[in-house]
């Protein structure tokens, strides 16, 4: 008499939509990241042409910053980079690429005049 064994499977499945590139606001490249500024720039031009500006940075660990043009339309690049240098750059390793979600709200105190 032979015993026949049966196999059972259990599968858990989930999925979600992604956007390319897999971030929306700012990308910081370390000086020794494997892809390099030129490689990342070329891939952006294929995936999302003319959507990001790249800025070279004078910093011990950071080579460059890619900023979405939507953000640049609302805030000056120098102000953005100043904030990043103060709050984010100290945590960047030379060999990494860091994604920054930069949520920006603009407020007006009061608006007066004849509209």
PDB file of N, CA and C in Angstrom:
ATOM      1  N   UNK A   1       0.834  -1.168   0.000  1.00  0.00           N
ATOM      2  CA  UNK A   1       0.000   0.000   0.000  1.00  0.00           C
ATOM      3  C   UNK A   1       0.889   1.245   0.000  1.00  0.00           C
ATOM      4  N   UNK A   2       0.621   2.178  -0.922  1.00  0.00           N
ATOM      5  CA  UNK A   2       1.400   3.415  -1.038  1.00  0.00           C
ATOM      6  C   UNK A   2       0.642   4.578  -0.423  1.00  0.00           C
ATOM      7  N   UNK A   3       1.418   5.430   0.217  1.00  0.00           N
ATOM      8  CA  UNK A   3       0.817   6.640   0.761  1.00  0.00           C
ATOM      9  C   UNK A   3       1.071   7.781  -0.217  1.00  0.00           C
ATOM     10  N   UNK A   4       0.040   8.476  -0.571  1.00  0.00           N
ATOM     11  CA  UNK A   4       0.171   9.614  -1.478  1.00  0.00           C
ATOM     12  C   UNK A   4       0.082  10.895  -0.655  1.00  0.00           C
ATOM     13  N   UNK A   5       1.128  11.698  -0.746  1.00  0.00           N
ATOM     14  CA  UNK A   5       1.101  12.959   0.003  1.00  0.00           C
ATOM     15  C   UNK A   5       0.590  14.070  -0.911  1.00  0.00           C
ATOM     16  N   UNK A   6      -0.078  15.011  -0.324  1.00  0.00           N
ATOM     17  CA  UNK A   6      -0.589  16.135  -1.099  1.00  0.00           C
ATOM     18  C   UNK A   6       0.128  17.399  -0.667  1.00  0.00           C
ATOM     19  N   UNK A   7       0.263  18.297  -1.599  1.00  0.00           N
ATOM     20  CA  UNK A   7       0.902  19.576  -1.290  1.00  0.00           C
ATOM     21  C   UNK A   7      -0.161  20.644  -1.176  1.00  0.00           C
ATOM     22  N   UNK A   8       0.052  21.526  -0.236  1.00  0.00           N
ATOM     23  CA  UNK A   8      -0.849  22.656  -0.069  1.00  0.00           C
ATOM     24  C   UNK A   8      -0.018  23.923  -0.157  1.00  0.00           C
ATOM     25  N   UNK A   9      -0.633  24.935  -0.677  1.00  0.00           N
ATOM     26  CA  UNK A   9       0.039  26.217  -0.812  1.00  0.00           C
ATOM     27  C   UNK A   9      -0.770  27.301  -0.110  1.00  0.00           C
ATOM     28  N   UNK A  10      -0.052  28.247   0.422  1.00  0.00           N
ATOM     29  CA  UNK A  10      -0.679  29.435   0.987  1.00  0.00           C
ATOM     30  C   UNK A  10       0.038  30.632   0.376  1.00  0.00           C
ATOM     31  N   UNK A  11      -0.715  31.517  -0.241  1.00  0.00           N
ATOM     32  CA  UNK A  11      -0.126  32.671  -0.902  1.00  0.00           C
ATOM     33  C   UNK A  11      -0.765  33.934  -0.350  1.00  0.00           C
ATOM     34  N   UNK A  12       0.076  34.866   0.043  1.00  0.00           N
ATOM     35  CA  UNK A  12      -0.405  36.194   0.406  1.00  0.00           C
ATOM     36  C   UNK A  12       0.106  37.133  -0.654  1.00  0.00           C
ATOM     37  N   UNK A  13      -0.780  37.949  -1.190  1.00  0.00           N
ATOM     38  CA  UNK A  13      -0.419  38.789  -2.320  1.00  0.00           C
ATOM     39  C   UNK A  13      -0.914  40.202  -2.088  1.00  0.00           C
ATOM     40  N   UNK A  14      -0.044  41.157  -2.352  1.00  0.00           N
ATOM     41  CA  UNK A  14      -0.468  42.558  -2.325  1.00  0.00           C
ATOM     42  C   UNK A  14       0.314  43.297  -3.397  1.00  0.00           C
ATOM     43  N   UNK A  15      -0.258  44.371  -3.881  1.00  0.00           N
ATOM     44  CA  UNK A  15       0.438  45.180  -4.882  1.00  0.00           C
ATOM     45  C   UNK A  15      -0.105  46.582  -4.844  1.00  0.00           C
ATOM     46  N   UNK A  16       0.694  47.510  -5.349  1.00  0.00           N
ATOM     47  CA  UNK A  16       0.289  48.905  -5.404  1.00  0.00           C
ATOM     48  C   UNK A  16       0.964  49.564  -6.595  1.00  0.00           C
ATOM     49  N   UNK A  17       0.387  50.625  -7.020  1.00  0.00           N
ATOM     50  CA  UNK A  17       0.933  51.385  -8.143  1.00  0.00           C
ATOM     51  C   UNK A  17       2.191  52.111  -7.688  1.00  0.00           C
ATOM     52  N   UNK A  18       3.203  52.141  -8.542  1.00  0.00           N
ATOM     53  CA  UNK A  18       4.384  52.944  -8.260  1.00  0.00           C
ATOM     54  C   UNK A  18       4.528  53.992  -9.348  1.00  0.00           C
ATOM     55  N   UNK A  19       5.281  55.020  -9.025  1.00  0.00           N
ATOM     56  CA  UNK A  19       5.554  56.069 -10.000  1.00  0.00           C
ATOM     57  C   UNK A  19       7.048  56.076 -10.273  1.00  0.00           C
ATOM     58  N   UNK A  20       7.391  56.421 -11.472  1.00  0.00           N
ATOM     59  CA  UNK A  20       8.799  56.518 -11.825  1.00  0.00           C
ATOM     60  C   UNK A  20       9.154  57.977 -12.034  1.00  0.00           C
ATOM     61  N   UNK A  21      10.207  58.450 -11.457  1.00  0.00           N
ATOM     62  CA  UNK A  21      11.064  57.741 -10.517  1.00  0.00           C
ATOM     63  C   UNK A  21      10.324  57.480  -9.214  1.00  0.00           C
ATOM     64  N   UNK A  22      10.859  56.599  -8.374  1.00  0.00           N
ATOM     65  CA  UNK A  22      10.131  56.209  -7.155  1.00  0.00           C
ATOM     66  C   UNK A  22      10.190  57.243  -6.030  1.00  0.00           C
ATOM     67  N   UNK A  23      10.260  58.491  -6.371  1.00  0.00           N
ATOM     68  CA  UNK A  23      10.170  59.585  -5.415  1.00  0.00           C
ATOM     69  C   UNK A  23       9.638  60.779  -6.166  1.00  0.00           C
ATOM     70  N   UNK A  24       9.211  61.824  -5.465  1.00  0.00           N
ATOM     71  CA  UNK A  24       8.555  62.941  -6.135  1.00  0.00           C
ATOM     72  C   UNK A  24       9.255  64.274  -5.980  1.00  0.00           C
ATOM     73  N   UNK A  25       9.965  64.496  -4.883  1.00  0.00           N
ATOM     74  CA  UNK A  25      10.407  65.845  -4.572  1.00  0.00           C
ATOM     75  C   UNK A  25      11.904  66.074  -4.772  1.00  0.00           C
ATOM     76  N   UNK A  26      12.725  65.452  -3.939  1.00  0.00           N
ATOM     77  CA  UNK A  26      14.161  65.730  -3.943  1.00  0.00           C
ATOM     78  C   UNK A  26      14.949  64.436  -3.772  1.00  0.00           C
ATOM     79  N   UNK A  27      16.070  64.344  -4.481  1.00  0.00           N
ATOM     80  CA  UNK A  27      16.978  63.211  -4.360  1.00  0.00           C
ATOM     81  C   UNK A  27      18.373  63.765  -4.092  1.00  0.00           C
ATOM     82  N   UNK A  28      19.035  63.244  -3.055  1.00  0.00           N
ATOM     83  CA  UNK A  28      20.377  63.686  -2.694  1.00  0.00           C
ATOM     84  C   UNK A  28      21.347  62.549  -2.994  1.00  0.00           C
ATOM     85  N   UNK A  29      22.393  62.844  -3.760  1.00  0.00           N
ATOM     86  CA  UNK A  29      23.396  61.847  -4.116  1.00  0.00           C
ATOM     87  C   UNK A  29      24.664  62.050  -3.307  1.00  0.00           C
ATOM     88  N   UNK A  30      25.113  60.989  -2.645  1.00  0.00           N
ATOM     89  CA  UNK A  30      26.380  61.023  -1.934  1.00  0.00           C
ATOM     90  C   UNK A  30      27.530  61.042  -2.926  1.00  0.00           C
ATOM     91  N   UNK A  31      28.678  61.526  -2.491  1.00  0.00           N
ATOM     92  CA  UNK A  31      29.840  61.669  -3.371  1.00  0.00           C
ATOM     93  C   UNK A  31      30.300  60.357  -3.981  1.00  0.00           C
ATOM     94  N   UNK A  32      30.077  59.245  -3.299  1.00  0.00           N
ATOM     95  CA  UNK A  32      30.558  57.961  -3.792  1.00  0.00           C
ATOM     96  C   UNK A  32      29.416  56.991  -4.080  1.00  0.00           C
ATOM     97  N   UNK A  33      28.227  57.493  -4.419  1.00  0.00           N
ATOM     98  CA  UNK A  33      27.115  56.575  -4.722  1.00  0.00           C
ATOM     99  C   UNK A  33      27.439  55.835  -6.018  1.00  0.00           C
ATOM    100  N   UNK A  34      27.114  54.564  -6.099  1.00  0.00           N
ATOM    101  CA  UNK A  34      27.510  53.736  -7.243  1.00  0.00           C
ATOM    102  C   UNK A  34      26.983  54.221  -8.593  1.00  0.00           C
ATOM    103  N   UNK A  35      25.784  54.781  -8.633  1.00  0.00           N
ATOM    104  CA  UNK A  35      25.196  55.186  -9.899  1.00  0.00           C
ATOM    105  C   UNK A  35      25.814  56.481 -10.424  1.00  0.00           C
ATOM    106  N   UNK A  36      26.215  57.357  -9.550  1.00  0.00           N
ATOM    107  CA  UNK A  36      26.826  58.617  -9.949  1.00  0.00           C
ATOM    108  C   UNK A  36      25.817  59.609 -10.499  1.00  0.00           C
ATOM    109  N   UNK A  37      26.199  60.864 -10.490  1.00  0.00           N
ATOM    110  CA  UNK A  37      25.312  61.948 -10.933  1.00  0.00           C
ATOM    111  C   UNK A  37      24.924  61.779 -12.403  1.00  0.00           C
ATOM    112  N   UNK A  38      25.866  61.428 -13.257  1.00  0.00           N
ATOM    113  CA  UNK A  38      25.574  61.301 -14.687  1.00  0.00           C
ATOM    114  C   UNK A  38      24.634  60.130 -14.947  1.00  0.00           C
ATOM    115  N   UNK A  39      24.850  59.013 -14.272  1.00  0.00           N
ATOM    116  CA  UNK A  39      23.968  57.857 -14.437  1.00  0.00           C
ATOM    117  C   UNK A  39      22.547  58.150 -13.995  1.00  0.00           C
ATOM    118  N   UNK A  40      22.399  58.789 -12.849  1.00  0.00           N
ATOM    119  CA  UNK A  40      21.064  59.135 -12.353  1.00  0.00           C
ATOM    120  C   UNK A  40      20.413  60.145 -13.295  1.00  0.00           C
ATOM    121  N   UNK A  41      21.174  61.127 -13.750  1.00  0.00           N
ATOM    122  CA  UNK A  41      20.637  62.143 -14.660  1.00  0.00           C
ATOM    123  C   UNK A  41      20.135  61.499 -15.957  1.00  0.00           C
ATOM    124  N   UNK A  42      20.917  60.590 -16.532  1.00  0.00           N
ATOM    125  CA  UNK A  42      20.501  59.924 -17.776  1.00  0.00           C
ATOM    126  C   UNK A  42      19.239  59.092 -17.573  1.00  0.00           C
ATOM    127  N   UNK A  43      19.146  58.402 -16.442  1.00  0.00           N
ATOM    128  CA  UNK A  43      17.935  57.602 -16.201  1.00  0.00           C
ATOM    129  C   UNK A  43      16.720  58.509 -16.016  1.00  0.00           C
ATOM    130  N   UNK A  44      16.901  59.671 -15.383  1.00  0.00           N
ATOM    131  CA  UNK A  44      15.800  60.620 -15.250  1.00  0.00           C
ATOM    132  C   UNK A  44      15.351  61.123 -16.611  1.00  0.00           C
ATOM    133  N   UNK A  45      16.278  61.399 -17.484  1.00  0.00           N
ATOM    134  CA  UNK A  45      15.924  61.902 -18.805  1.00  0.00           C
ATOM    135  C   UNK A  45      15.129  60.872 -19.599  1.00  0.00           C
ATOM    136  N   UNK A  46      15.352  59.589 -19.325  1.00  0.00           N
ATOM    137  CA  UNK A  46      14.558  58.537 -19.970  1.00  0.00           C
ATOM    138  C   UNK A  46      13.194  58.380 -19.319  1.00  0.00           C
ATOM    139  N   UNK A  47      13.165  58.409 -17.974  1.00  0.00           N
ATOM    140  CA  UNK A  47      11.926  58.149 -17.243  1.00  0.00           C
ATOM    141  C   UNK A  47      11.009  59.362 -17.162  1.00  0.00           C
ATOM    142  N   UNK A  48      11.558  60.513 -16.800  1.00  0.00           N
ATOM    143  CA  UNK A  48      10.769  61.730 -16.604  1.00  0.00           C
ATOM    144  C   UNK A  48      11.529  62.930 -17.194  1.00  0.00           C
ATOM    145  N   UNK A  49      11.570  63.030 -18.503  1.00  0.00           N
ATOM    146  CA  UNK A  49      12.369  64.092 -19.118  1.00  0.00           C
ATOM    147  C   UNK A  49      11.915  65.486 -18.692  1.00  0.00           C
ATOM    148  N   UNK A  50      12.902  66.312 -18.404  1.00  0.00           N
ATOM    149  CA  UNK A  50      12.698  67.736 -18.117  1.00  0.00           C
ATOM    150  C   UNK A  50      11.820  67.986 -16.887  1.00  0.00           C
ATOM    151  N   UNK A  51      11.853  67.081 -15.908  1.00  0.00           N
ATOM    152  CA  UNK A  51      11.039  67.272 -14.709  1.00  0.00           C
ATOM    153  C   UNK A  51      11.868  67.665 -13.483  1.00  0.00           C
ATOM    154  N   UNK A  52      13.196  67.409 -13.523  1.00  0.00           N
ATOM    155  CA  UNK A  52      14.073  67.701 -12.398  1.00  0.00           C
ATOM    156  C   UNK A  52      15.242  68.568 -12.847  1.00  0.00           C
ATOM    157  N   UNK A  53      15.689  69.459 -11.946  1.00  0.00           N
ATOM    158  CA  UNK A  53      16.930  70.192 -12.137  1.00  0.00           C
ATOM    159  C   UNK A  53      17.958  69.601 -11.196  1.00  0.00           C
ATOM    160  N   UNK A  54      19.214  69.541 -11.659  1.00  0.00           N
ATOM    161  CA  UNK A  54      20.284  68.994 -10.834  1.00  0.00           C
ATOM    162  C   UNK A  54      21.240  70.118 -10.446  1.00  0.00           C
ATOM    163  N   UNK A  55      21.671  70.096  -9.178  1.00  0.00           N
ATOM    164  CA  UNK A  55      22.563  71.131  -8.656  1.00  0.00           C
ATOM    165  C   UNK A  55      23.761  70.474  -7.996  1.00  0.00           C
ATOM    166  N   UNK A  56      24.963  70.903  -8.392  1.00  0.00           N
ATOM    167  CA  UNK A  56      26.195  70.424  -7.761  1.00  0.00           C
ATOM    168  C   UNK A  56      26.321  71.088  -6.398  1.00  0.00           C
ATOM    169  N   UNK A  57      26.830  70.338  -5.427  1.00  0.00           N
ATOM    170  CA  UNK A  57      26.890  70.811  -4.051  1.00  0.00           C
ATOM    171  C   UNK A  57      28.326  70.751  -3.540  1.00  0.00           C
ATOM    172  N   UNK A  58      28.720  71.783  -2.804  1.00  0.00           N
ATOM    173  CA  UNK A  58      30.011  71.795  -2.107  1.00  0.00           C
ATOM    174  C   UNK A  58      29.785  71.265  -0.695  1.00  0.00           C
ATOM    175  N   UNK A  59      30.050  69.974  -0.503  1.00  0.00           N
ATOM    176  CA  UNK A  59      29.840  69.350   0.802  1.00  0.00           C
ATOM    177  C   UNK A  59      30.747  68.132   0.888  1.00  0.00           C
ATOM    178  N   UNK A  60      31.123  67.762   2.093  1.00  0.00           N
ATOM    179  CA  UNK A  60      32.024  66.623   2.282  1.00  0.00           C
ATOM    180  C   UNK A  60      31.411  65.302   1.825  1.00  0.00           C
ATOM    181  N   UNK A  61      30.098  65.117   2.028  1.00  0.00           N
ATOM    182  CA  UNK A  61      29.456  63.842   1.715  1.00  0.00           C
ATOM    183  C   UNK A  61      28.538  63.897   0.497  1.00  0.00           C
ATOM    184  N   UNK A  62      28.036  65.077   0.140  1.00  0.00           N
ATOM    185  CA  UNK A  62      27.022  65.200  -0.913  1.00  0.00           C
ATOM    186  C   UNK A  62      27.629  65.742  -2.205  1.00  0.00           C
ATOM    187  N   UNK A  63      27.306  65.052  -3.314  1.00  0.00           N
ATOM    188  CA  UNK A  63      27.781  65.484  -4.631  1.00  0.00           C
ATOM    189  C   UNK A  63      26.781  66.406  -5.324  1.00  0.00           C
ATOM    190  N   UNK A  64      25.510  66.002  -5.318  1.00  0.00           N
ATOM    191  CA  UNK A  64      24.517  66.790  -6.040  1.00  0.00           C
ATOM    192  C   UNK A  64      23.124  66.533  -5.487  1.00  0.00           C
ATOM    193  N   UNK A  65      22.213  67.428  -5.883  1.00  0.00           N
ATOM    194  CA  UNK A  65      20.821  67.353  -5.458  1.00  0.00           C
ATOM    195  C   UNK A  65      19.936  67.492  -6.691  1.00  0.00           C
ATOM    196  N   UNK A  66      18.976  66.576  -6.837  1.00  0.00           N
ATOM    197  CA  UNK A  66      17.975  66.653  -7.896  1.00  0.00           C
ATOM    198  C   UNK A  66      16.696  67.187  -7.254  1.00  0.00           C
ATOM    199  N   UNK A  67      16.164  68.279  -7.810  1.00  0.00           N
ATOM    200  CA  UNK A  67      14.956  68.886  -7.253  1.00  0.00           C
ATOM    201  C   UNK A  67      13.888  68.953  -8.336  1.00  0.00           C
ATOM    202  N   UNK A  68      12.693  68.502  -7.994  1.00  0.00           N
ATOM    203  CA  UNK A  68      11.570  68.539  -8.925  1.00  0.00           C
ATOM    204  C   UNK A  68      11.239  69.992  -9.259  1.00  0.00           C
ATOM    205  N   UNK A  69      10.975  70.269 -10.521  1.00  0.00           N
ATOM    206  CA  UNK A  69      10.680  71.635 -10.961  1.00  0.00           C
ATOM    207  C   UNK A  69       9.391  72.180 -10.348  1.00  0.00           C
ATOM    208  N   UNK A  70       8.482  71.302  -9.933  1.00  0.00           N
ATOM    209  CA  UNK A  70       7.273  71.747  -9.229  1.00  0.00           C
ATOM    210  C   UNK A  70       7.638  72.465  -7.939  1.00  0.00           C
ATOM    211  N   UNK A  71       8.605  71.909  -7.209  1.00  0.00           N
ATOM    212  CA  UNK A  71       9.047  72.506  -5.951  1.00  0.00           C
ATOM    213  C   UNK A  71       9.768  73.825  -6.224  1.00  0.00           C
ATOM    214  N   UNK A  72      10.591  73.835  -7.259  1.00  0.00           N
ATOM    215  CA  UNK A  72      11.352  75.046  -7.602  1.00  0.00           C
ATOM    216  C   UNK A  72      10.454  76.190  -8.049  1.00  0.00           C
ATOM    217  N   UNK A  73       9.281  75.875  -8.532  1.00  0.00           N
ATOM    218  CA  UNK A  73       8.332  76.913  -8.929  1.00  0.00           C
ATOM    219  C   UNK A  73       7.774  77.645  -7.701  1.00  0.00           C
ATOM    220  N   UNK A  74       7.791  76.972  -6.560  1.00  0.00           N
ATOM    221  CA  UNK A  74       7.210  77.536  -5.339  1.00  0.00           C
ATOM    222  C   UNK A  74       8.246  78.136  -4.391  1.00  0.00           C
ATOM    223  N   UNK A  75       9.498  77.634  -4.456  1.00  0.00           N
ATOM    224  CA  UNK A  75      10.530  78.110  -3.538  1.00  0.00           C
ATOM    225  C   UNK A  75      11.869  78.180  -4.267  1.00  0.00           C
ATOM    226  N   UNK A  76      12.651  79.187  -3.949  1.00  0.00           N
ATOM    227  CA  UNK A  76      13.955  79.406  -4.558  1.00  0.00           C
ATOM    228  C   UNK A  76      14.916  78.263  -4.214  1.00  0.00           C
ATOM    229  N   UNK A  77      15.711  77.860  -5.173  1.00  0.00           N
ATOM    230  CA  UNK A  77      16.646  76.745  -4.984  1.00  0.00           C
ATOM    231  C   UNK A  77      17.619  76.997  -3.848  1.00  0.00           C
ATOM    232  N   UNK A  78      18.078  78.229  -3.680  1.00  0.00           N
ATOM    233  CA  UNK A  78      19.023  78.536  -2.607  1.00  0.00           C
ATOM    234  C   UNK A  78      18.399  78.318  -1.228  1.00  0.00           C
ATOM    235  N   UNK A  79      17.133  78.650  -1.085  1.00  0.00           N
ATOM    236  CA  UNK A  79      16.443  78.413   0.186  1.00  0.00           C
ATOM    237  C   UNK A  79      16.295  76.913   0.441  1.00  0.00           C
ATOM    238  N   UNK A  80      15.958  76.168  -0.596  1.00  0.00           N
ATOM    239  CA  UNK A  80      15.794  74.713  -0.461  1.00  0.00           C
ATOM    240  C   UNK A  80      17.111  74.073  -0.058  1.00  0.00           C
ATOM    241  N   UNK A  81      18.176  74.433  -0.754  1.00  0.00           N
ATOM    242  CA  UNK A  81      19.481  73.834  -0.469  1.00  0.00           C
ATOM    243  C   UNK A  81      19.974  74.232   0.923  1.00  0.00           C
ATOM    244  N   UNK A  82      19.684  75.450   1.347  1.00  0.00           N
ATOM    245  CA  UNK A  82      20.062  75.878   2.703  1.00  0.00           C
ATOM    246  C   UNK A  82      19.373  74.996   3.758  1.00  0.00           C
ATOM    247  N   UNK A  83      18.083  74.727   3.553  1.00  0.00           N
ATOM    248  CA  UNK A  83      17.338  73.862   4.472  1.00  0.00           C
ATOM    249  C   UNK A  83      17.928  72.447   4.469  1.00  0.00           C
ATOM    250  N   UNK A  84      18.217  71.932   3.277  1.00  0.00           N
ATOM    251  CA  UNK A  84      18.785  70.586   3.169  1.00  0.00           C
ATOM    252  C   UNK A  84      20.152  70.500   3.842  1.00  0.00           C
ATOM    253  N   UNK A  85      20.999  71.515   3.621  1.00  0.00           N
ATOM    254  CA  UNK A  85      22.332  71.514   4.239  1.00  0.00           C
ATOM    255  C   UNK A  85      22.239  71.481   5.756  1.00  0.00           C
ATOM    256  N   UNK A  86      21.295  72.197   6.289  1.00  0.00           N
ATOM    257  CA  UNK A  86      21.155  72.295   7.737  1.00  0.00           C
ATOM    258  C   UNK A  86      20.488  71.062   8.352  1.00  0.00           C
ATOM    259  N   UNK A  87      19.443  70.551   7.696  1.00  0.00           N
ATOM    260  CA  UNK A  87      18.614  69.511   8.311  1.00  0.00           C
ATOM    261  C   UNK A  87      18.849  68.090   7.793  1.00  0.00           C
ATOM    262  N   UNK A  88      19.380  67.948   6.566  1.00  0.00           N
ATOM    263  CA  UNK A  88      19.466  66.613   5.970  1.00  0.00           C
ATOM    264  C   UNK A  88      20.906  66.174   5.696  1.00  0.00           C
ATOM    265  N   UNK A  89      21.729  67.060   5.146  1.00  0.00           N
ATOM    266  CA  UNK A  89      23.096  66.692   4.777  1.00  0.00           C
ATOM    267  C   UNK A  89      23.886  66.028   5.907  1.00  0.00           C
ATOM    268  N   UNK A  90      23.726  66.444   7.170  1.00  0.00           N
ATOM    269  CA  UNK A  90      24.490  65.788   8.234  1.00  0.00           C
ATOM    270  C   UNK A  90      24.210  64.282   8.365  1.00  0.00           C
ATOM    271  N   UNK A  91      23.116  63.811   7.794  1.00  0.00           N
ATOM    272  CA  UNK A  91      22.747  62.400   7.903  1.00  0.00           C
ATOM    273  C   UNK A  91      23.043  61.599   6.640  1.00  0.00           C
ATOM    274  N   UNK A  92      23.637  62.229   5.618  1.00  0.00           N
ATOM    275  CA  UNK A  92      23.897  61.563   4.345  1.00  0.00           C
ATOM    276  C   UNK A  92      25.265  60.893   4.368  1.00  0.00           C
ATOM    277  N   UNK A  93      25.311  59.613   4.003  1.00  0.00           N
ATOM    278  CA  UNK A  93      26.575  58.896   3.839  1.00  0.00           C
ATOM    279  C   UNK A  93      27.070  59.103   2.420  1.00  0.00           C
ATOM    280  N   UNK A  94      28.375  59.049   2.238  1.00  0.00           N
ATOM    281  CA  UNK A  94      28.961  59.280   0.915  1.00  0.00           C
ATOM    282  C   UNK A  94      28.477  58.300  -0.148  1.00  0.00           C
ATOM    283  N   UNK A  95      28.145  57.077   0.242  1.00  0.00           N
ATOM    284  CA  UNK A  95      27.827  56.044  -0.745  1.00  0.00           C
ATOM    285  C   UNK A  95      26.329  55.859  -0.990  1.00  0.00           C
ATOM    286  N   UNK A  96      25.493  56.721  -0.444  1.00  0.00           N
ATOM    287  CA  UNK A  96      24.054  56.488  -0.577  1.00  0.00           C
ATOM    288  C   UNK A  96      23.346  57.543  -1.425  1.00  0.00           C
ATOM    289  N   UNK A  97      22.147  57.173  -1.804  1.00  0.00           N
ATOM    290  CA  UNK A  97      21.216  58.092  -2.450  1.00  0.00           C
ATOM    291  C   UNK A  97      20.053  58.237  -1.478  1.00  0.00           C
ATOM    292  N   UNK A  98      19.718  59.470  -1.159  1.00  0.00           N
ATOM    293  CA  UNK A  98      18.695  59.725  -0.160  1.00  0.00           C
ATOM    294  C   UNK A  98      17.498  60.417  -0.794  1.00  0.00           C
ATOM    295  N   UNK A  99      16.322  59.882  -0.576  1.00  0.00           N
ATOM    296  CA  UNK A  99      15.068  60.456  -1.062  1.00  0.00           C
ATOM    297  C   UNK A  99      14.519  61.387   0.005  1.00  0.00           C
ATOM    298  N   UNK A 100      14.109  62.590  -0.398  1.00  0.00           N
ATOM    299  CA  UNK A 100      13.561  63.561   0.550  1.00  0.00           C
ATOM    300  C   UNK A 100      12.151  63.942   0.103  1.00  0.00           C
ATOM    301  N   UNK A 101      11.181  63.717   0.975  1.00  0.00           N
ATOM    302  CA  UNK A 101       9.826  64.197   0.726  1.00  0.00           C
ATOM    303  C   UNK A 101       9.762  65.616   1.283  1.00  0.00           C
ATOM    304  N   UNK A 102       9.573  66.568   0.413  1.00  0.00           N
ATOM    305  CA  UNK A 102       9.637  67.991   0.760  1.00  0.00           C
ATOM    306  C   UNK A 102       8.248  68.578   0.587  1.00  0.00           C
ATOM    307  N   UNK A 103       7.454  68.508   1.642  1.00  0.00           N
ATOM    308  CA  UNK A 103       6.081  69.014   1.577  1.00  0.00           C
ATOM    309  C   UNK A 103       6.094  70.502   1.875  1.00  0.00           C
ATOM    310  N   UNK A 104       5.579  71.276   0.968  1.00  0.00           N
ATOM    311  CA  UNK A 104       5.651  72.726   1.052  1.00  0.00           C
ATOM    312  C   UNK A 104       4.252  73.318   1.017  1.00  0.00           C
ATOM    313  N   UNK A 105       3.953  74.172   1.996  1.00  0.00           N
ATOM    314  CA  UNK A 105       2.691  74.912   2.021  1.00  0.00           C
ATOM    315  C   UNK A 105       3.039  76.388   2.036  1.00  0.00           C
ATOM    316  N   UNK A 106       2.267  77.175   1.335  1.00  0.00           N
ATOM    317  CA  UNK A 106       2.488  78.618   1.292  1.00  0.00           C
ATOM    318  C   UNK A 106       1.308  79.298   1.966  1.00  0.00           C
ATOM    319  N   UNK A 107       1.591  80.211   2.890  1.00  0.00           N
ATOM    320  CA  UNK A 107       0.563  80.929   3.634  1.00  0.00           C
ATOM    321  C   UNK A 107       0.711  82.434   3.391  1.00  0.00           C
ATOM    322  N   UNK A 108      -0.393  83.119   3.329  1.00  0.00           N
ATOM    323  CA  UNK A 108      -0.421  84.578   3.278  1.00  0.00           C
ATOM    324  C   UNK A 108      -1.096  85.068   4.553  1.00  0.00           C
ATOM    325  N   UNK A 109      -0.528  86.119   5.182  1.00  0.00           N
ATOM    326  CA  UNK A 109      -1.132  86.673   6.399  1.00  0.00           C
ATOM    327  C   UNK A 109      -2.469  87.329   6.076  1.00  0.00           C
ATOM    328  N   UNK A 110      -2.442  88.294   5.187  1.00  0.00           N
ATOM    329  CA  UNK A 110      -3.692  88.935   4.770  1.00  0.00           C
ATOM    330  C   UNK A 110      -3.497  89.503   3.372  1.00  0.00           C
ATOM    331  N   UNK A 111      -4.567  89.497   2.652  1.00  0.00           N
ATOM    332  CA  UNK A 111      -4.531  90.031   1.287  1.00  0.00           C
ATOM    333  C   UNK A 111      -5.582  91.129   1.214  1.00  0.00           C
ATOM    334  N   UNK A 112      -5.128  92.303   0.859  1.00  0.00           N
ATOM    335  CA  UNK A 112      -6.044  93.440   0.766  1.00  0.00           C
ATOM    336  C   UNK A 112      -5.950  94.056  -0.621  1.00  0.00           C
ATOM    337  N   UNK A 113      -7.008  94.696  -1.033  1.00  0.00           N
ATOM    338  CA  UNK A 113      -6.972  95.371  -2.324  1.00  0.00           C
ATOM    339  C   UNK A 113      -8.262  95.203  -3.075  1.00  0.00           C
ATOM    340  N   UNK A 114      -8.348  95.860  -4.195  1.00  0.00           N
ATOM    341  CA  UNK A 114      -9.480  95.728  -5.080  1.00  0.00           C
ATOM    342  C   UNK A 114      -9.191  94.629  -6.103  1.00  0.00           C
ATOM    343  N   UNK A 115     -10.012  93.625  -6.068  1.00  0.00           N
ATOM    344  CA  UNK A 115      -9.799  92.503  -6.981  1.00  0.00           C
ATOM    345  C   UNK A 115     -10.794  92.601  -8.063  1.00  0.00           C
TER     346      UNK A 115
END
